[in-house]
Amino acid sequence: MKELDLLKKIALYERNNLIQKYGNNLMGKCIEASDTIVNIIEKKSNGKLKAQAKQVWVLYENFEGCTDICYEEHWLVKVLVKGYPYYIDVTMDQFQWAFYRQLPAIYFARKLPNFYLVREPGKVTLDKCGWNDWYNYGDYVNNFNYYD
C-alpha cells in the first residue's frame, strides 16, 4: 500500500534527521519529531492523509531509575489511512532505560503498545503495575500487561 510506504519513509527520514541533529539521545525530542512528521505527512500526501500529534503517557516497566512517578508524558503521531489509525513514534527508544525488552527505534503500528496510556494513570493503574508498593515498600508485584 503506497500510503503505508510513504509513512514509513517519512518516519525513517525524521528519525535520521533527529539522530543527525542530536545524536543517539532523543530524550525530550518527541514534540519536535511529532510536529515535523505531521507537517511532512500533510505536505507529501497533498492533504489526503490526516495526521495529528497525540499525547500519551508511557507507563514504565522497570522502576529502578524512578523517583516520584513511574510514567511520563510523551507525544507521537496518529494518522488515518483509509479510516484506520496508524501510530508513528520515532523516539520510543528514549525510554529504553525503563523497560526490560528492547524497544524499537521506530514504532509503526495500527495500535498503541499496552504501556502507552491515553490518560494519565490513576491509583488503580498504579496499584496494578505495582508502583504504589514499590514507592512505599521498595517491593512490588507487577500485574500490568505490558505486552500483547
Foldseek 3Di string as FASTA:
>chain_A
DVLVVVLVVLLVVLLVVCCVVPNPQCPPVQVVSAVVSQVVSCVVVVNPKHKDKAKWKAAFLACVPPDPHRIGIGIWMWIADPNAIKTWTQPVQNCVVRDDDHDDNIDIGRDDFQRTHRDDDDDVQCVQQFNVCCNPPVDGDHNRDRGD
